[in-house]
Each structure stands twice: as structure tokens, then as C-alpha cells.
Amino acid sequence: MGETDFNEKFEDFLNSYVAEKINEIRKQHKDLVAQKAALAQKLESCEAFWAYEE
């Protein structure tokens, strides 16, 4: 295997690895956005309850 082959394979490996990590981060981001929306909705419910109690 020549240096050029190694460099190409290494570049392919890095591109694949980076793409995989980007996909993982996107999924985590999507999950966190959903959690944030759920917490915001829960907070609004709590605030509405306390406004009703006052």
C-alpha cells in the first residue's frame, strides 16, 4: 500500500467518522429540543396553576 492509498483510506475513514459523530450530535440536539419543549410546557402548566391559586 502506497502513501497515496493510505492517505485516501485515512481520509475516507475520517470523513465517515466525522459524519457519524455529526449524526449523533443532530440526534442528541433533536432529543434535547424535544425535552426543552416538554419542560417549557410543564413550566407553563405550573405557572398557570399558581396564577389560578393566587
PDB file of N, CA and C in Angstrom:
ATOM      1  N   MET A   1       0.862  -1.182   0.000  1.00  0.00           N
ATOM      2  CA  MET A   1       0.000   0.000   0.000  1.00  0.00           C
ATOM      3  C   MET A   1       0.899   1.233   0.000  1.00  0.00           C
ATOM      4  N   GLY A   2       0.668   2.089  -0.969  1.00  0.00           N
ATOM      5  CA  GLY A   2       1.472   3.287  -1.068  1.00  0.00           C
ATOM      6  C   GLY A   2       0.939   4.376  -0.157  1.00  0.00           C
ATOM      7  N   GLU A   3       1.707   5.424  -0.052  1.00  0.00           N
ATOM      8  CA  GLU A   3       1.308   6.542   0.802  1.00  0.00           C
ATOM      9  C   GLU A   3       0.008   7.165   0.317  1.00  0.00           C
ATOM     10  N   THR A   4      -0.184   7.232  -0.998  1.00  0.00           N
ATOM     11  CA  THR A   4      -1.404   7.803  -1.560  1.00  0.00           C
ATOM     12  C   THR A   4      -2.615   6.968  -1.170  1.00  0.00           C
ATOM     13  N   ASP A   5      -2.489   5.644  -1.262  1.00  0.00           N
ATOM     14  CA  ASP A   5      -3.589   4.754  -0.856  1.00  0.00           C
ATOM     15  C   ASP A   5      -3.915   4.947   0.616  1.00  0.00           C
ATOM     16  N   PHE A   6      -2.866   4.996   1.432  1.00  0.00           N
ATOM     17  CA  PHE A   6      -3.074   5.188   2.864  1.00  0.00           C
ATOM     18  C   PHE A   6      -3.786   6.507   3.139  1.00  0.00           C
ATOM     19  N   ASN A   7      -3.333   7.567   2.500  1.00  0.00           N
ATOM     20  CA  ASN A   7      -3.952   8.878   2.712  1.00  0.00           C
ATOM     21  C   ASN A   7      -5.420   8.879   2.296  1.00  0.00           C
ATOM     22  N   GLU A   8      -5.729   8.230   1.188  1.00  0.00           N
ATOM     23  CA  GLU A   8      -7.120   8.163   0.720  1.00  0.00           C
ATOM     24  C   GLU A   8      -7.980   7.362   1.689  1.00  0.00           C
ATOM     25  N   LYS A   9      -7.468   6.232   2.140  1.00  0.00           N
ATOM     26  CA  LYS A   9      -8.229   5.406   3.082  1.00  0.00           C
ATOM     27  C   LYS A   9      -8.398   6.128   4.414  1.00  0.00           C
ATOM     28  N   PHE A  10      -7.356   6.794   4.852  1.00  0.00           N
ATOM     29  CA  PHE A  10      -7.428   7.541   6.104  1.00  0.00           C
ATOM     30  C   PHE A  10      -8.437   8.680   5.985  1.00  0.00           C
ATOM     31  N   GLU A  11      -8.428   9.384   4.864  1.00  0.00           N
ATOM     32  CA  GLU A  11      -9.383  10.464   4.634  1.00  0.00           C
ATOM     33  C   GLU A  11     -10.821   9.921   4.603  1.00  0.00           C
ATOM     34  N   ASP A  12     -11.019   8.785   3.945  1.00  0.00           N
ATOM     35  CA  ASP A  12     -12.346   8.153   3.921  1.00  0.00           C
ATOM     36  C   ASP A  12     -12.795   7.788   5.334  1.00  0.00           C
ATOM     37  N   PHE A  13     -11.866   7.222   6.106  1.00  0.00           N
ATOM     38  CA  PHE A  13     -12.180   6.860   7.491  1.00  0.00           C
ATOM     39  C   PHE A  13     -12.571   8.095   8.300  1.00  0.00           C
ATOM     40  N   LEU A  14     -11.780   9.158   8.184  1.00  0.00           N
ATOM     41  CA  LEU A  14     -12.076  10.383   8.934  1.00  0.00           C
ATOM     42  C   LEU A  14     -13.414  10.984   8.521  1.00  0.00           C
ATOM     43  N   ASN A  15     -13.683  11.021   7.227  1.00  0.00           N
ATOM     44  CA  ASN A  15     -14.955  11.556   6.746  1.00  0.00           C
ATOM     45  C   ASN A  15     -16.127  10.748   7.286  1.00  0.00           C
ATOM     46  N   SER A  16     -15.985   9.428   7.277  1.00  0.00           N
ATOM     47  CA  SER A  16     -17.035   8.550   7.788  1.00  0.00           C
ATOM     48  C   SER A  16     -17.231   8.776   9.287  1.00  0.00           C
ATOM     49  N   TYR A  17     -16.138   8.856  10.018  1.00  0.00           N
ATOM     50  CA  TYR A  17     -16.195   9.067  11.467  1.00  0.00           C
ATOM     51  C   TYR A  17     -16.853  10.403  11.804  1.00  0.00           C
ATOM     52  N   VAL A  18     -16.439  11.445  11.116  1.00  0.00           N
ATOM     53  CA  VAL A  18     -16.997  12.773  11.365  1.00  0.00           C
ATOM     54  C   VAL A  18     -18.482  12.795  11.011  1.00  0.00           C
ATOM     55  N   ALA A  19     -18.866  12.182   9.919  1.00  0.00           N
ATOM     56  CA  ALA A  19     -20.277  12.128   9.526  1.00  0.00           C
ATOM     57  C   ALA A  19     -21.100  11.400  10.583  1.00  0.00           C
ATOM     58  N   GLU A  20     -20.561  10.317  11.118  1.00  0.00           N
ATOM     59  CA  GLU A  20     -21.253   9.559  12.164  1.00  0.00           C
ATOM     60  C   GLU A  20     -21.431  10.414  13.414  1.00  0.00           C
ATOM     61  N   LYS A  21     -20.391  11.122  13.810  1.00  0.00           N
ATOM     62  CA  LYS A  21     -20.466  11.975  15.001  1.00  0.00           C
ATOM     63  C   LYS A  21     -21.456  13.118  14.784  1.00  0.00           C
ATOM     64  N   ILE A  22     -21.478  13.684  13.593  1.00  0.00           N
ATOM     65  CA  ILE A  22     -22.429  14.755  13.283  1.00  0.00           C
ATOM     66  C   ILE A  22     -23.853  14.233  13.404  1.00  0.00           C
ATOM     67  N   ASN A  23     -24.106  13.035  12.896  1.00  0.00           N
ATOM     68  CA  ASN A  23     -25.441  12.446  13.009  1.00  0.00           C
ATOM     69  C   ASN A  23     -25.827  12.204  14.456  1.00  0.00           C
ATOM     70  N   GLU A  24     -24.869  11.741  15.276  1.00  0.00           N
ATOM     71  CA  GLU A  24     -25.142  11.539  16.700  1.00  0.00           C
ATOM     72  C   GLU A  24     -25.495  12.865  17.375  1.00  0.00           C
ATOM     73  N   ILE A  25     -24.749  13.903  17.063  1.00  0.00           N
ATOM     74  CA  ILE A  25     -24.992  15.216  17.659  1.00  0.00           C
ATOM     75  C   ILE A  25     -26.350  15.761  17.216  1.00  0.00           C
ATOM     76  N   ARG A  26     -26.695  15.571  15.956  1.00  0.00           N
ATOM     77  CA  ARG A  26     -28.010  16.016  15.472  1.00  0.00           C
ATOM     78  C   ARG A  26     -29.137  15.313  16.211  1.00  0.00           C
ATOM     79  N   LYS A  27     -28.979  13.996  16.440  1.00  0.00           N
ATOM     80  CA  LYS A  27     -29.999  13.247  17.165  1.00  0.00           C
ATOM     81  C   LYS A  27     -30.100  13.739  18.608  1.00  0.00           C
ATOM     82  N   GLN A  28     -28.950  13.950  19.239  1.00  0.00           N
ATOM     83  CA  GLN A  28     -28.951  14.463  20.610  1.00  0.00           C
ATOM     84  C   GLN A  28     -29.608  15.834  20.659  1.00  0.00           C
ATOM     85  N   HIS A  29     -29.317  16.672  19.689  1.00  0.00           N
ATOM     86  CA  HIS A  29     -29.894  18.011  19.631  1.00  0.00           C
ATOM     87  C   HIS A  29     -31.411  17.918  19.497  1.00  0.00           C
ATOM     88  N   LYS A  30     -31.867  17.035  18.610  1.00  0.00           N
ATOM     89  CA  LYS A  30     -33.300  16.847  18.406  1.00  0.00           C
ATOM     90  C   LYS A  30     -33.965  16.394  19.709  1.00  0.00           C
ATOM     91  N   ASP A  31     -33.332  15.443  20.399  1.00  0.00           N
ATOM     92  CA  ASP A  31     -33.865  14.965  21.669  1.00  0.00           C
ATOM     93  C   ASP A  31     -33.894  16.072  22.719  1.00  0.00           C
ATOM     94  N   LEU A  32     -32.840  16.868  22.773  1.00  0.00           N
ATOM     95  CA  LEU A  32     -32.782  17.963  23.743  1.00  0.00           C
ATOM     96  C   LEU A  32     -33.826  19.037  23.448  1.00  0.00           C
ATOM     97  N   VAL A  33     -34.056  19.322  22.178  1.00  0.00           N
ATOM     98  CA  VAL A  33     -35.087  20.293  21.810  1.00  0.00           C
ATOM     99  C   VAL A  33     -36.460  19.781  22.246  1.00  0.00           C
ATOM    100  N   ALA A  34     -36.703  18.492  22.064  1.00  0.00           N
ATOM    101  CA  ALA A  34     -37.980  17.910  22.495  1.00  0.00           C
ATOM    102  C   ALA A  34     -38.115  17.981  24.013  1.00  0.00           C
ATOM    103  N   GLN A  35     -37.033  17.701  24.740  1.00  0.00           N
ATOM    104  CA  GLN A  35     -37.062  17.804  26.201  1.00  0.00           C
ATOM    105  C   GLN A  35     -37.314  19.243  26.637  1.00  0.00           C
ATOM    106  N   LYS A  36     -36.686  20.173  25.964  1.00  0.00           N
ATOM    107  CA  LYS A  36     -36.864  21.590  26.287  1.00  0.00           C
ATOM    108  C   LYS A  36     -38.318  22.003  26.079  1.00  0.00           C
ATOM    109  N   ALA A  37     -38.919  21.551  24.984  1.00  0.00           N
ATOM    110  CA  ALA A  37     -40.315  21.878  24.707  1.00  0.00           C
ATOM    111  C   ALA A  37     -41.227  21.284  25.780  1.00  0.00           C
ATOM    112  N   ALA A  38     -40.935  20.055  26.191  1.00  0.00           N
ATOM    113  CA  ALA A  38     -41.741  19.412  27.234  1.00  0.00           C
ATOM    114  C   ALA A  38     -41.607  20.161  28.557  1.00  0.00           C
ATOM    115  N   LEU A  39     -40.399  20.580  28.889  1.00  0.00           N
ATOM    116  CA  LEU A  39     -40.188  21.331  30.130  1.00  0.00           C
ATOM    117  C   LEU A  39     -40.869  22.696  30.076  1.00  0.00           C
ATOM    118  N   ALA A  40     -40.823  23.332  28.926  1.00  0.00           N
ATOM    119  CA  ALA A  40     -41.483  24.633  28.783  1.00  0.00           C
ATOM    120  C   ALA A  40     -42.987  24.481  28.963  1.00  0.00           C
ATOM    121  N   GLN A  41     -43.534  23.417  28.410  1.00  0.00           N
ATOM    122  CA  GLN A  41     -44.967  23.180  28.556  1.00  0.00           C
ATOM    123  C   GLN A  41     -45.314  22.894  30.019  1.00  0.00           C
ATOM    124  N   LYS A  42     -44.480  22.113  30.694  1.00  0.00           N
ATOM    125  CA  LYS A  42     -44.715  21.814  32.099  1.00  0.00           C
ATOM    126  C   LYS A  42     -44.619  23.094  32.938  1.00  0.00           C
ATOM    127  N   LEU A  43     -43.648  23.941  32.631  1.00  0.00           N
ATOM    128  CA  LEU A  43     -43.486  25.199  33.343  1.00  0.00           C
ATOM    129  C   LEU A  43     -44.720  26.079  33.161  1.00  0.00           C
ATOM    130  N   GLU A  44     -45.227  26.147  31.941  1.00  0.00           N
ATOM    131  CA  GLU A  44     -46.437  26.930  31.691  1.00  0.00           C
ATOM    132  C   GLU A  44     -47.610  26.390  32.493  1.00  0.00           C
ATOM    133  N   SER A  45     -47.717  25.075  32.597  1.00  0.00           N
ATOM    134  CA  SER A  45     -48.786  24.463  33.384  1.00  0.00           C
ATOM    135  C   SER A  45     -48.652  24.848  34.852  1.00  0.00           C
ATOM    136  N   CYS A  46     -47.432  24.769  35.360  1.00  0.00           N
ATOM    137  CA  CYS A  46     -47.198  25.137  36.763  1.00  0.00           C
ATOM    138  C   CYS A  46     -47.500  26.611  37.011  1.00  0.00           C
ATOM    139  N   GLU A  47     -47.048  27.460  36.092  1.00  0.00           N
ATOM    140  CA  GLU A  47     -47.308  28.897  36.238  1.00  0.00           C
ATOM    141  C   GLU A  47     -48.801  29.176  36.181  1.00  0.00           C
ATOM    142  N   ALA A  48     -49.514  28.496  35.293  1.00  0.00           N
ATOM    143  CA  ALA A  48     -50.964  28.680  35.202  1.00  0.00           C
ATOM    144  C   ALA A  48     -51.633  28.215  36.491  1.00  0.00           C
ATOM    145  N   PHE A  49     -51.172  27.114  37.066  1.00  0.00           N
ATOM    146  CA  PHE A  49     -51.732  26.616  38.317  1.00  0.00           C
ATOM    147  C   PHE A  49     -51.535  27.624  39.436  1.00  0.00           C
ATOM    148  N   TRP A  50     -50.306  28.139  39.554  1.00  0.00           N
ATOM    149  CA  TRP A  50     -50.030  29.080  40.647  1.00  0.00           C
ATOM    150  C   TRP A  50     -50.764  30.400  40.439  1.00  0.00           C
ATOM    151  N   ALA A  51     -50.919  30.802  39.195  1.00  0.00           N
ATOM    152  CA  ALA A  51     -51.697  32.038  38.922  1.00  0.00           C
ATOM    153  C   ALA A  51     -53.165  31.789  39.319  1.00  0.00           C
ATOM    154  N   TYR A  52     -53.659  30.602  39.095  1.00  0.00           N
ATOM    155  CA  TYR A  52     -55.025  30.257  39.465  1.00  0.00           C
ATOM    156  C   TYR A  52     -55.172  30.211  40.985  1.00  0.00           C
ATOM    157  N   GLU A  53     -54.160  29.701  41.680  1.00  0.00           N
ATOM    158  CA  GLU A  53     -54.217  29.578  43.137  1.00  0.00           C
ATOM    159  C   GLU A  53     -54.162  30.933  43.812  1.00  0.00           C
ATOM    160  N   GLU A  54     -53.517  31.912  43.209  1.00  0.00           N
ATOM    161  CA  GLU A  54     -53.409  33.244  43.815  1.00  0.00           C
ATOM    162  C   GLU A  54     -54.708  33.918  43.637  1.00  0.00           C
TER     163      GLU A  54
END
